Amino acid sequence: MSEVQIQTHRELLDSRKKGHGMPGELFGRQDVFETDVEVFFHKLWILVGVSADVPEPGDVHTVDVGRASIMIVRDDDENVRAFRNVCRHRGSRIMKKPGKASVGMLVCPYHQWTYDLDGCLKHSTHMGKDFDAGCHSLIPVHVKTVGAHIFVCLADEPPADFEKLETVMAARFAPYDLTRTKIAHEMEIVENGNWKLVVENNRECYHCAGTHPELTNSFLAEDFGFCPDGQSEASLQAYEDYRQRNTACQENWEKDGYVCGTVEALGESVETNFRTQRLVISGANESQTLDTKVACTKLLGGVERRDLGDMHLWGHHSWTHVMSDHAVIAYSLPLAPDKTLVRTVWLVHADAVEGVDYDLKRLTEVWVATTTQDAELVGNTHAGTQDPAYIPGPFSNFTETALDQFSRWYDAKLKAHGV
């Protein structure tokens, strides 16, 4: 029996045909997965939570990213900080498991080394008079809050081009005052697929019409590409009507000071990969609900109009929809080559009252259904990419251009980091 030649990571990347999907090994191999985590989740800016995860001083939100663990902390001055979840004594985890807690100080469960919320070591016994506590503060992590989004970077020198996302999104999030929100609902689901397949699934809506009946009540399919070839006169007229409605909505929004234009940072040279635009919502144009009207009557921030569509943002592992009444923020974290954690939070005004200002089922039913459906799609696709018969097929030039962009960016970032 002849030996099977195993391709290197770079050989696999170079074997991808232009305009086609990635080889299956890039989704299934352990060595590829470990490199992905190191490059795309330990060296770049990543979304790990929302400000409402740590609403009060002493609140801690712990997130595991590969072998790393991060504590997001609200300090006594109400600043959001981030630290490595590693005691400076003998390395014990300070917070034993991911999730939220409320503490007075950060206490290691092993030998009770105790840290203030600013990371300084405040208490340690039996260390002698020559011990310098000032040299043993918690290891800080770069952290930035944009709107409600908490981003961290584990690298010593974080990518400087994150400043563009900050600048662009500050103006777009400002009317909603997302720092004055609370979590109405949150959902975690482990999808049985590689993190890149989760991203690919999110970046195209070619599949939406046949798989997401709840979502397509509010989304306009034409936003995600339209191929005029072979279309009926009625379909072509519907597309022209869509274009005219979009133009009219955007002019109306811009007149009232709401930013609409598309901004993209998706090229091979960028580190911080993102895209944003204000999308028209079908029907009442108010919210991603089954009737396209607001689910929460207490609107976000200082917003007075309900019909502001969907301020959309995606990053290399996250996606956000901000409407007049609520926001849906989701991010994915890799667990294994075939396992990806997807966390979704629904934010409403901090003063909104469930049962009075909003009905939780109406607020969440579209994206609960969509996220559950996406998990099945990703799992099914991952299984297919691991079949010996799998040969990557071509992307649609009309509805899947973002997937080819992502594939090229993914390749370029690995090459830049020596892969």
Protein backbone atom coordinates (compact mmCIF):
# COMPACT_ATOMS: atom_id res chain seq x y z
CA MET A 1 0.00 0.00 0.00
CA SER A 2 1.42 3.39 -0.97
CA GLU A 3 1.77 6.08 1.65
CA VAL A 4 -0.78 8.88 1.58
CA GLN A 5 0.90 12.23 1.06
CA ILE A 6 -0.29 14.70 3.71
CA GLN A 7 -0.36 18.26 2.45
CA THR A 8 0.97 21.07 4.58
CA HIS A 9 -1.30 23.87 5.73
CA ARG A 10 0.21 26.18 3.09
CA GLU A 11 -0.19 23.57 0.35
CA LEU A 12 -3.85 23.23 1.24
CA LEU A 13 -4.31 27.00 1.09
CA ASP A 14 -2.53 27.23 -2.25
CA SER A 15 -4.65 24.41 -3.69
CA ARG A 16 -7.90 26.41 -3.39
CA LYS A 17 -9.17 27.32 -6.82
CA LYS A 18 -10.04 30.97 -7.33
CA GLY A 19 -13.72 31.56 -6.63
CA HIS A 20 -14.16 28.16 -4.99
CA GLY A 21 -14.57 26.89 -1.44
CA MET A 22 -11.74 25.71 0.78
CA PRO A 23 -10.42 22.14 0.85
CA GLY A 24 -12.09 19.98 3.45
CA GLU A 25 -8.89 19.45 5.41
CA LEU A 26 -8.90 23.16 6.32
CA PHE A 27 -12.10 22.53 8.25
CA GLY A 28 -11.26 19.18 9.83
CA ARG A 29 -7.58 18.97 10.73
CA GLN A 30 -6.42 19.54 14.31
CA ASP A 31 -3.17 21.27 13.30
CA VAL A 32 -5.07 23.72 11.10
CA PHE A 33 -7.51 24.39 13.93
CA GLU A 34 -4.72 25.16 16.40
CA THR A 35 -3.08 27.57 13.96
CA ASP A 36 -6.43 29.26 13.31
CA VAL A 37 -6.96 29.85 17.02
CA GLU A 38 -3.48 31.29 17.41
CA VAL A 39 -3.75 33.67 14.44
CA PHE A 40 -7.42 34.66 14.26
CA PHE A 41 -8.36 34.57 17.95
CA HIS A 42 -5.12 35.27 19.82
CA LYS A 43 -3.50 37.88 17.54
CA LEU A 44 -6.49 39.85 16.19
CA TRP A 45 -9.22 41.85 17.93
CA ILE A 46 -12.14 39.59 18.84
CA LEU A 47 -15.58 40.22 20.31
CA VAL A 48 -16.02 38.49 23.69
CA GLY A 49 -19.06 40.10 25.29
CA VAL A 50 -21.23 43.16 25.79
CA SER A 51 -21.09 45.91 28.38
CA ALA A 52 -24.29 44.56 29.95
CA ASP A 53 -22.37 41.38 30.86
CA VAL A 54 -20.62 43.44 33.55
CA PRO A 55 -23.17 46.14 34.46
CA GLU A 56 -21.89 46.91 38.01
CA PRO A 57 -18.49 47.28 39.71
CA GLY A 58 -17.27 43.84 40.77
CA ASP A 59 -19.03 42.04 37.93
CA VAL A 60 -16.84 39.55 36.07
CA HIS A 61 -17.48 37.81 32.74
CA THR A 62 -15.03 34.98 32.01
CA VAL A 63 -14.45 33.80 28.44
CA ASP A 64 -12.30 30.90 27.23
CA VAL A 65 -10.60 31.29 23.85
CA GLY A 66 -8.67 28.16 22.97
CA ARG A 67 -6.28 27.46 25.85
CA ALA A 68 -6.47 31.10 26.97
CA SER A 69 -9.00 32.40 29.49
CA ILE A 70 -9.93 36.05 29.92
CA MET A 71 -11.68 37.86 32.75
CA ILE A 72 -13.74 40.91 31.72
CA VAL A 73 -14.14 43.08 34.83
CA ARG A 74 -16.05 46.25 35.72
CA ASP A 75 -13.79 48.10 38.19
CA ASP A 76 -14.74 50.49 41.01
CA ASP A 77 -14.52 53.47 38.66
CA GLU A 78 -16.89 51.66 36.28
CA ASN A 79 -14.20 51.09 33.66
CA VAL A 80 -14.23 47.83 31.72
CA ARG A 81 -10.92 46.00 32.11
CA ALA A 82 -9.64 42.63 30.93
CA PHE A 83 -7.07 40.30 32.47
CA ARG A 84 -5.65 36.86 31.84
CA ASN A 85 -7.43 34.35 34.07
CA VAL A 86 -4.12 33.12 35.50
CA CYS A 87 -2.94 33.63 39.08
CA ARG A 88 0.56 35.14 39.28
CA HIS A 89 1.54 32.64 41.97
CA ARG A 90 1.36 29.15 40.46
CA GLY A 91 -1.00 29.63 37.56
CA SER A 92 -4.33 28.50 38.94
CA ARG A 93 -7.45 29.76 37.22
CA ILE A 94 -8.93 32.53 39.35
CA MET A 95 -12.41 32.13 37.89
CA LYS A 96 -12.92 28.38 37.66
CA LYS A 97 -15.28 28.33 34.68
CA PRO A 98 -16.61 30.60 31.93
CA GLY A 99 -19.61 32.78 32.64
CA LYS A 100 -20.64 35.60 34.94
CA ALA A 101 -20.09 36.29 38.62
CA SER A 102 -20.15 39.22 41.02
CA VAL A 103 -17.16 39.60 43.34
CA GLY A 104 -15.64 42.16 45.68
CA MET A 105 -12.10 41.22 44.69
CA LEU A 106 -10.53 38.55 42.50
CA VAL A 107 -9.45 35.71 44.79
CA CYS A 108 -7.43 32.72 43.61
CA PRO A 109 -9.11 29.56 44.97
CA TYR A 110 -5.76 27.78 45.44
CA HIS A 111 -3.73 29.91 47.89
CA GLN A 112 -6.08 32.91 48.20
CA TRP A 113 -3.87 35.43 46.49
CA THR A 114 -6.26 38.37 46.20
CA TYR A 115 -6.35 40.99 43.47
CA ASP A 116 -8.18 44.30 43.28
CA LEU A 117 -10.47 44.99 40.33
CA ASP A 118 -7.66 47.00 38.72
CA GLY A 119 -5.49 43.85 38.71
CA CYS A 120 -3.15 44.83 41.55
CA LEU A 121 -2.17 42.11 44.03
CA LYS A 122 -3.53 43.19 47.41
CA HIS A 123 -3.08 40.14 49.62
CA SER A 124 -0.71 37.19 49.78
CA THR A 125 0.47 35.39 52.90
CA HIS A 126 3.77 33.73 53.86
CA MET A 127 5.77 35.35 51.04
CA GLY A 128 8.36 37.12 53.25
CA LYS A 129 9.45 40.72 53.60
CA ASP A 130 11.39 40.76 50.32
CA PHE A 131 8.37 39.83 48.23
CA ASP A 132 7.31 42.67 45.90
CA ALA A 133 3.55 42.49 45.32
CA GLY A 134 3.84 45.24 42.71
CA CYS A 135 5.63 42.82 40.40
CA HIS A 136 2.80 40.30 40.52
CA SER A 137 -0.28 42.11 39.25
CA LEU A 138 -2.63 40.27 36.94
CA ILE A 139 -1.59 40.24 33.29
CA PRO A 140 -3.70 42.86 31.44
CA VAL A 141 -5.38 42.23 28.12
CA HIS A 142 -5.99 44.95 25.53
CA VAL A 143 -9.69 45.87 25.67
CA LYS A 144 -11.92 48.35 23.85
CA THR A 145 -15.65 48.99 24.15
CA VAL A 146 -17.48 50.12 21.01
CA GLY A 147 -21.15 50.72 21.61
CA ALA A 148 -22.08 47.72 23.73
CA HIS A 149 -19.39 45.53 22.18
CA ILE A 150 -16.40 44.45 24.27
CA PHE A 151 -13.40 43.62 22.08
CA VAL A 152 -10.11 42.20 23.35
CA CYS A 153 -6.78 41.36 21.78
CA LEU A 154 -4.39 38.88 23.36
CA ALA A 155 -1.38 39.95 21.30
CA ASP A 156 1.37 42.07 22.83
CA GLU A 157 0.87 44.59 20.02
CA PRO A 158 -2.74 44.67 18.81
CA PRO A 159 -3.60 45.59 15.22
CA ALA A 160 -3.73 49.38 14.91
CA ASP A 161 -6.34 49.33 12.15
CA PHE A 162 -9.04 48.58 14.73
CA GLU A 163 -9.25 52.36 14.97
CA LYS A 164 -11.20 52.40 11.70
CA LEU A 165 -13.92 50.15 13.12
CA GLU A 166 -14.06 52.31 16.26
CA THR A 167 -14.44 55.53 14.28
CA VAL A 168 -16.98 54.19 11.80
CA MET A 169 -19.18 52.44 14.35
CA ALA A 170 -19.10 55.19 17.00
CA ALA A 171 -21.23 57.44 14.78
CA ARG A 172 -23.55 54.62 13.78
CA PHE A 173 -24.14 53.33 17.31
CA ALA A 174 -24.37 56.77 18.95
CA PRO A 175 -28.15 57.34 18.52
CA TYR A 176 -28.91 54.04 20.25
CA ASP A 177 -26.77 54.63 23.39
CA LEU A 178 -26.02 50.91 23.62
CA THR A 179 -24.18 51.34 26.92
CA ARG A 180 -27.59 51.97 28.52
CA THR A 181 -28.97 48.54 27.72
CA LYS A 182 -29.59 45.29 29.52
CA ILE A 183 -29.66 41.68 28.38
CA ALA A 184 -33.24 40.61 27.81
CA HIS A 185 -32.20 37.13 26.69
CA GLU A 186 -29.08 35.18 25.82
CA MET A 187 -28.54 31.90 24.03
CA GLU A 188 -25.50 29.64 23.68
CA ILE A 189 -25.39 26.84 21.17
CA VAL A 190 -22.52 24.55 20.10
CA GLU A 191 -22.58 24.09 16.36
CA ASN A 192 -21.09 20.87 15.03
CA GLY A 193 -18.87 22.55 12.48
CA ASN A 194 -15.66 24.46 11.99
CA TRP A 195 -15.65 28.17 12.90
CA LYS A 196 -14.94 29.15 9.28
CA LEU A 197 -18.12 27.38 8.15
CA VAL A 198 -20.04 29.34 10.79
CA VAL A 199 -18.64 32.56 9.30
CA GLU A 200 -19.33 31.48 5.72
CA ASN A 201 -22.91 30.58 6.59
CA ASN A 202 -23.42 33.99 8.19
CA ARG A 203 -21.91 35.92 5.29
CA GLU A 204 -24.33 34.75 2.63
CA CYS A 205 -28.09 34.57 2.36
CA TYR A 206 -28.16 32.41 -0.77
CA HIS A 207 -29.58 29.74 1.54
CA CYS A 208 -32.08 31.95 3.38
CA ALA A 209 -35.18 31.57 1.24
CA GLY A 210 -35.25 27.81 1.67
CA THR A 211 -34.12 27.55 5.28
CA HIS A 212 -35.06 30.67 7.28
CA PRO A 213 -38.80 31.40 6.98
CA GLU A 214 -38.77 33.55 10.13
CA LEU A 215 -35.77 35.64 9.08
CA THR A 216 -37.00 36.24 5.55
CA ASN A 217 -40.10 37.93 6.95
CA SER A 218 -37.89 40.92 7.68
CA PHE A 219 -34.86 40.56 5.41
CA LEU A 220 -34.97 41.67 1.80
CA ALA A 221 -33.41 38.87 -0.20
CA GLU A 222 -32.06 41.29 -2.82
CA ASP A 223 -29.70 42.75 -0.20
CA PHE A 224 -27.64 39.58 -0.50
CA GLY A 225 -27.29 39.45 -4.25
CA PHE A 226 -29.45 39.12 -7.33
CA CYS A 227 -28.71 37.38 -10.61
CA PRO A 228 -30.88 38.80 -13.41
CA ASP A 229 -30.17 35.90 -15.77
CA GLY A 230 -33.31 33.90 -16.50
CA GLN A 231 -35.51 35.98 -14.23
CA SER A 232 -39.13 36.74 -15.13
CA GLU A 233 -40.35 40.24 -15.87
CA ALA A 234 -42.12 40.24 -12.52
CA SER A 235 -38.87 39.37 -10.70
CA LEU A 236 -36.95 42.05 -12.55
CA GLN A 237 -39.62 44.61 -11.71
CA ALA A 238 -39.55 43.52 -8.05
CA TYR A 239 -35.79 44.09 -8.02
CA GLU A 240 -36.22 47.57 -9.48
CA ASP A 241 -38.87 48.32 -6.84
CA TYR A 242 -36.42 47.12 -4.18
CA ARG A 243 -33.72 49.47 -5.48
CA GLN A 244 -36.06 52.43 -5.51
CA ARG A 245 -37.30 51.71 -1.99
CA ASN A 246 -33.76 51.37 -0.67
CA THR A 247 -32.74 54.67 -2.23
CA ALA A 248 -35.78 56.47 -0.81
CA CYS A 249 -35.25 55.02 2.68
CA GLN A 250 -31.58 55.91 2.77
CA GLU A 251 -32.22 59.47 1.62
CA ASN A 252 -34.86 59.82 4.33
CA TRP A 253 -32.55 58.43 7.02
CA GLU A 254 -29.59 60.55 5.96
CA LYS A 255 -31.80 63.65 6.08
CA ASP A 256 -32.45 62.93 9.77
CA GLY A 257 -28.76 62.31 10.47
CA TYR A 258 -28.72 58.50 10.48
CA VAL A 259 -25.63 57.16 8.70
CA CYS A 260 -26.44 54.59 6.01
CA GLY A 261 -23.58 54.02 3.59
CA THR A 262 -21.71 50.74 3.30
CA VAL A 263 -18.19 50.65 4.76
CA GLU A 264 -16.01 47.62 4.12
CA ALA A 265 -12.60 46.56 5.40
CA LEU A 266 -12.38 43.10 3.87
CA GLY A 267 -9.21 43.14 1.76
CA GLU A 268 -6.18 40.95 2.22
CA SER A 269 -4.11 43.77 3.73
CA VAL A 270 -6.45 44.56 6.66
CA GLU A 271 -6.12 42.96 10.08
CA THR A 272 -9.52 44.04 11.46
CA ASN A 273 -12.02 42.54 9.03
CA PHE A 274 -15.49 44.15 9.14
CA ARG A 275 -18.42 45.41 7.10
CA THR A 276 -21.32 47.67 8.06
CA GLN A 277 -24.42 49.13 6.43
CA ARG A 278 -27.96 50.17 7.32
CA LEU A 279 -30.36 47.64 5.82
CA VAL A 280 -33.99 48.28 4.95
CA ILE A 281 -36.34 45.89 6.76
CA SER A 282 -39.35 44.61 4.86
CA GLY A 283 -42.90 45.51 5.82
CA ALA A 284 -43.01 48.16 8.53
CA ASN A 285 -39.19 48.55 8.38
CA GLU A 286 -39.02 48.62 12.18
CA SER A 287 -37.56 45.43 13.60
CA GLN A 288 -36.58 41.83 12.93
CA THR A 289 -39.82 40.38 14.22
CA LEU A 290 -42.42 38.24 12.53
CA ASP A 291 -44.62 41.28 11.85
CA THR A 292 -41.61 43.61 11.22
CA LYS A 293 -42.84 46.00 13.94
CA VAL A 294 -41.01 46.85 17.16
CA ALA A 295 -41.09 44.22 19.88
CA CYS A 296 -40.10 46.73 22.56
CA THR A 297 -42.02 49.99 22.78
CA LYS A 298 -39.26 51.63 24.84
CA LEU A 299 -36.84 52.53 22.07
CA LEU A 300 -33.06 52.52 22.46
CA GLY A 301 -31.19 55.66 23.49
CA GLY A 302 -32.67 58.88 22.22
CA VAL A 303 -34.25 57.31 19.15
CA GLU A 304 -37.71 58.65 18.32
CA ARG A 305 -38.30 56.93 14.97
CA ARG A 306 -39.24 53.27 14.88
CA ASP A 307 -38.52 52.80 11.16
CA LEU A 308 -34.72 52.90 11.21
CA GLY A 309 -34.15 49.53 9.60
CA ASP A 310 -31.20 47.38 10.68
CA MET A 311 -27.76 48.81 11.44
CA HIS A 312 -25.72 45.76 10.54
CA LEU A 313 -22.11 44.96 11.47
CA TRP A 314 -20.14 41.82 10.87
CA GLY A 315 -16.59 40.96 11.89
CA HIS A 316 -14.45 37.92 11.20
CA HIS A 317 -16.33 35.87 13.81
CA SER A 318 -19.31 38.02 14.85
CA TRP A 319 -22.47 39.71 13.62
CA THR A 320 -24.73 42.48 14.95
CA HIS A 321 -28.18 43.85 14.13
CA VAL A 322 -29.22 47.10 15.82
CA MET A 323 -32.80 48.31 15.38
CA SER A 324 -34.76 51.10 16.99
CA ASP A 325 -36.10 48.84 19.75
CA HIS A 326 -33.43 46.21 20.37
CA ALA A 327 -30.07 44.84 19.30
CA VAL A 328 -29.02 41.28 18.51
CA ILE A 329 -25.28 40.68 18.99
CA ALA A 330 -23.67 37.30 18.29
CA TYR A 331 -20.15 35.95 18.21
CA SER A 332 -18.53 32.58 17.65
CA LEU A 333 -15.59 31.00 19.47
CA PRO A 334 -13.76 27.88 18.23
CA LEU A 335 -13.84 24.84 20.53
CA ALA A 336 -12.49 22.09 18.25
CA PRO A 337 -12.12 21.53 14.49
CA ASP A 338 -15.76 20.44 14.41
CA LYS A 339 -17.19 22.41 17.36
CA THR A 340 -17.95 26.14 17.56
CA LEU A 341 -19.68 28.00 20.38
CA VAL A 342 -22.14 30.65 19.19
CA ARG A 343 -23.40 33.09 21.81
CA THR A 344 -26.27 35.46 21.01
CA VAL A 345 -27.55 38.27 23.25
CA TRP A 346 -30.67 40.39 22.86
CA LEU A 347 -30.30 43.91 24.28
CA VAL A 348 -33.13 46.30 25.19
CA HIS A 349 -33.22 49.70 26.86
CA ALA A 350 -31.91 49.48 30.43
CA ASP A 351 -35.26 50.70 31.78
CA ALA A 352 -37.45 48.42 29.64
CA VAL A 353 -39.67 46.07 31.63
CA GLU A 354 -40.56 42.60 30.35
CA GLY A 355 -44.31 42.16 30.05
CA VAL A 356 -44.82 45.91 30.02
CA ASP A 357 -42.49 47.30 27.35
CA TYR A 358 -41.72 44.07 25.51
CA ASP A 359 -42.83 40.50 25.05
CA LEU A 360 -39.82 38.18 25.21
CA LYS A 361 -41.15 35.67 22.69
CA ARG A 362 -41.82 38.35 20.06
CA LEU A 363 -38.43 39.89 20.74
CA THR A 364 -36.43 36.69 20.30
CA GLU A 365 -38.35 34.27 18.09
CA VAL A 366 -36.78 35.27 14.77
CA TRP A 367 -33.15 34.87 15.83
CA VAL A 368 -33.77 31.89 18.12
CA ALA A 369 -35.23 30.08 15.13
CA THR A 370 -32.53 31.33 12.74
CA THR A 371 -29.64 30.39 15.03
CA THR A 372 -31.07 26.91 15.57
CA GLN A 373 -31.52 26.46 11.83
CA ASP A 374 -28.00 27.71 11.14
CA ALA A 375 -26.56 25.18 13.59
CA GLU A 376 -28.12 22.36 11.57
CA LEU A 377 -26.88 23.85 8.29
CA VAL A 378 -23.33 24.24 9.58
CA GLY A 379 -23.25 20.73 11.04
CA ASN A 380 -24.53 19.22 7.81
CA THR A 381 -22.01 21.17 5.73
CA HIS A 382 -19.09 20.26 7.98
CA ALA A 383 -19.97 16.57 7.70
CA GLY A 384 -20.05 16.88 3.93
CA THR A 385 -16.66 18.62 3.74
CA GLN A 386 -15.12 15.66 5.60
CA ASP A 387 -16.51 13.11 3.13
CA PRO A 388 -13.81 11.64 0.83
CA ALA A 389 -16.00 12.60 -2.12
CA TYR A 390 -15.99 16.32 -1.28
CA ILE A 391 -14.59 18.62 -3.97
CA PRO A 392 -14.96 22.37 -3.28
CA GLY A 393 -17.50 23.90 -5.64
CA PRO A 394 -17.69 27.42 -7.11
CA PHE A 395 -19.12 30.37 -5.22
CA SER A 396 -21.99 32.31 -6.78
CA ASN A 397 -20.68 35.56 -8.26
CA PHE A 398 -23.94 37.22 -7.25
CA THR A 399 -24.72 35.94 -3.74
CA GLU A 400 -21.44 34.54 -2.33
CA THR A 401 -18.80 37.13 -3.18
CA ALA A 402 -18.24 37.73 0.55
CA LEU A 403 -17.18 34.09 0.94
CA ASP A 404 -14.43 34.43 -1.64
CA GLN A 405 -13.33 37.67 0.05
CA PHE A 406 -13.17 35.89 3.39
CA SER A 407 -11.19 32.99 1.89
CA ARG A 408 -8.64 35.37 0.38
CA TRP A 409 -8.35 37.34 3.65
CA TYR A 410 -7.96 34.12 5.65
CA ASP A 411 -5.16 32.98 3.34
CA ALA A 412 -3.42 36.37 3.48
CA LYS A 413 -3.48 36.55 7.29
CA LEU A 414 -1.95 33.08 7.60
CA LYS A 415 0.74 33.98 5.07
CA ALA A 416 1.49 37.19 7.00
CA HIS A 417 2.01 35.08 10.13
CA GLY A 418 4.36 32.63 8.43
CA VAL A 419 1.94 29.89 7.37
